[in-house]
Protein backbone atom coordinates (compact mmCIF):
# COMPACT_ATOMS: atom_id res chain seq x y z
CA UNK A 1 116.34 193.70 -9.42
CA UNK A 2 114.98 197.17 -9.81
CA UNK A 3 115.99 197.53 -13.37
CA UNK A 4 113.77 194.15 -14.18
CA UNK A 5 110.81 195.71 -12.11
CA UNK A 6 110.95 198.97 -13.92
CA UNK A 7 111.23 197.03 -17.36
CA UNK A 8 108.44 194.81 -16.31
CA UNK A 9 106.35 197.67 -15.64
CA UNK A 10 106.96 199.69 -18.85
CA UNK A 11 106.29 196.52 -20.76
CA UNK A 12 102.57 196.40 -18.95
CA UNK A 13 102.14 200.04 -19.48
CA UNK A 14 102.63 200.16 -23.36
CA UNK A 15 101.34 196.65 -24.18
CA UNK A 16 104.84 195.44 -25.33
CA UNK A 17 105.33 191.85 -26.09
CA UNK A 18 102.16 190.40 -27.84
CA UNK A 19 99.89 193.43 -27.84
CA UNK A 20 97.85 195.79 -25.45
CA UNK A 21 96.88 193.53 -21.90
CA UNK A 22 95.09 195.78 -19.66
CA UNK A 23 95.23 193.26 -16.86
CA UNK A 24 98.81 193.13 -17.18
CA UNK A 25 99.55 196.42 -15.45
CA UNK A 26 97.37 195.17 -12.25
CA UNK A 27 99.22 191.99 -12.28
CA UNK A 28 102.73 193.85 -12.25
CA UNK A 29 101.53 196.22 -9.56
CA UNK A 30 100.81 193.36 -7.44
CA UNK A 31 104.01 191.69 -8.46
CA UNK A 32 106.18 194.91 -7.81
CA UNK A 33 104.25 195.11 -4.05
CA UNK A 34 105.10 191.42 -3.32
CA UNK A 35 108.86 191.78 -4.31
CA UNK A 36 109.02 194.68 -2.24
CA UNK A 37 107.47 193.26 0.79
CA UNK A 38 104.19 195.33 0.23
CA UNK A 39 102.08 196.57 3.06
CA UNK A 40 101.48 194.12 5.90
CA UNK A 41 98.49 196.02 7.14
CA UNK A 42 96.58 198.99 5.82
CA UNK A 43 97.89 202.25 7.20
CA UNK A 44 95.80 203.88 9.90
CA UNK A 45 94.82 207.55 9.34
CA UNK A 46 94.00 208.34 12.91
CA UNK A 47 91.20 210.46 11.59
CA UNK A 48 89.23 209.97 14.61
CA UNK A 49 92.09 211.16 17.04
CA UNK A 50 90.50 213.07 19.89
CA UNK A 51 93.66 213.25 22.36
CA UNK A 52 96.75 211.08 23.20
CA UNK A 53 99.74 210.41 25.57
CA UNK A 54 103.20 209.48 24.71
CA UNK A 55 105.24 208.13 27.72
CA UNK A 56 108.97 207.31 27.13
CA UNK A 57 110.92 205.52 29.94
CA UNK A 58 114.19 203.85 30.24
CA UNK A 59 114.93 201.20 33.34
CA UNK A 60 117.12 203.47 35.08
CA UNK A 61 116.56 204.66 38.46
CA UNK A 62 115.30 208.29 38.99
CA UNK A 63 116.20 210.95 38.52
CA UNK A 64 118.15 209.75 35.51
CA UNK A 65 115.66 207.63 33.86
CA UNK A 66 112.08 209.02 35.03
CA UNK A 67 109.48 208.30 32.63
CA UNK A 68 108.84 211.46 30.15
CA UNK A 69 105.32 212.01 28.99
CA UNK A 70 103.58 214.49 26.87
CA UNK A 71 99.81 214.84 26.61
CA UNK A 72 98.15 216.15 23.41
CA UNK A 73 94.74 217.55 24.04
CA UNK A 74 94.34 220.73 22.15
CA UNK A 75 92.99 220.93 18.88
CA UNK A 76 96.55 221.87 17.54
CA UNK A 77 98.66 219.51 19.56
CA UNK A 78 96.12 216.81 18.57
CA UNK A 79 96.75 217.91 14.90
CA UNK A 80 100.45 217.62 15.45
CA UNK A 81 100.26 214.33 16.89
CA UNK A 82 98.06 212.83 13.93
CA UNK A 83 100.49 214.32 11.25
CA UNK A 84 103.57 212.69 13.19
CA UNK A 85 101.52 209.21 13.31
CA UNK A 86 100.73 209.46 9.94
CA UNK A 87 104.13 210.30 8.62
CA UNK A 88 105.83 207.47 10.58
CA UNK A 89 103.21 205.02 9.82
CA UNK A 90 102.62 204.19 13.42
CA UNK A 91 100.13 201.29 13.83
CA UNK A 92 98.89 200.04 17.10
CA UNK A 93 97.95 196.07 17.53
CA UNK A 94 99.28 192.86 16.85
CA UNK A 95 103.00 191.85 17.74
CA UNK A 96 105.71 193.72 15.79
CA UNK A 97 109.09 192.17 16.02
CA UNK A 98 110.64 190.17 18.85
CA UNK A 99 112.56 191.07 21.82
CA UNK A 100 116.11 189.98 21.52
CA UNK A 101 117.33 190.07 25.08
CA UNK A 102 118.49 193.40 24.53
CA UNK A 103 119.03 195.65 28.00
CA UNK A 104 118.81 199.26 28.59
CA UNK A 105 116.41 200.01 25.99
CA UNK A 106 113.43 202.52 25.78
CA UNK A 107 109.71 201.51 26.58
CA UNK A 108 107.21 203.91 24.40
CA UNK A 109 103.96 203.75 25.11
CA UNK A 110 101.39 205.32 23.34
CA UNK A 111 97.75 205.91 24.64
CA UNK A 112 95.44 207.39 21.76
CA UNK A 113 91.52 208.24 22.32
CA UNK A 114 89.38 207.84 19.32
CA UNK A 115 86.24 209.66 18.54
CA UNK A 116 83.30 207.06 19.55
CA UNK A 117 85.56 204.60 21.08
CA UNK A 118 84.87 203.27 24.64
CA UNK A 119 88.38 202.91 25.60
CA UNK A 120 91.56 204.22 24.73
CA UNK A 121 93.88 202.39 21.98
CA UNK A 122 97.19 201.35 23.94
CA UNK A 123 100.40 200.31 22.30
CA UNK A 124 103.78 199.70 23.54
CA UNK A 125 107.29 199.25 21.74
CA UNK A 126 110.72 198.51 23.16
CA UNK A 127 113.43 200.06 21.17
CA UNK A 128 117.07 198.70 22.15
CA UNK A 129 119.97 198.22 20.14
CA UNK A 130 118.60 199.63 16.68
CA UNK A 131 115.77 197.15 17.05
CA UNK A 132 111.95 197.70 17.70
CA UNK A 133 109.37 195.02 19.36
CA UNK A 134 106.13 195.27 20.73
CA UNK A 135 102.56 196.17 19.61
CA UNK A 136 103.33 199.62 18.08
CA UNK A 137 104.43 199.41 14.13
CA UNK A 138 106.04 201.88 12.03
CA UNK A 139 108.94 204.22 12.80
CA UNK A 140 108.85 204.83 16.79
CA UNK A 141 112.35 206.28 16.93
CA UNK A 142 111.29 208.54 14.07
CA UNK A 143 107.96 209.44 15.72
CA UNK A 144 110.06 210.26 18.92
CA UNK A 145 112.35 212.44 17.23
CA UNK A 146 109.69 214.42 15.68
CA UNK A 147 107.90 214.91 18.85
CA UNK A 148 111.13 215.64 20.64
CA UNK A 149 110.80 212.67 22.85
CA UNK A 150 113.63 211.14 21.86
CA UNK A 151 116.09 209.31 24.29
């Protein structure tokens, strides 16, 4: 499959098969995005991020499973959080995946305050058995690892 995609893109780029066709390149790129799943939503840049709280909790009674929270409010901390959000393609909103009845996973809550917004943006993800569901998209497990909040 990848070989055919590469050949198709090369043909479009050099105008192979019947002369130069400037529209073929754009069509091939769109075809490639569709074949690879393409982006489902535009990535969020989080450029207006002014503070954030990340909470990780497990359904185990304290003291073993109490929630852990990290607050990001200084300019340096917010810049680190923003970088991690962008690196792991984190989006908030809409339903991502479905819960498969897994028990014993980790619930992640993001509360992100954006400049000029009246209410914070909130999202929640449930990680269990290698699957992710909730209203947070992207690599939530990777985000937790980067922020050193992993389970």
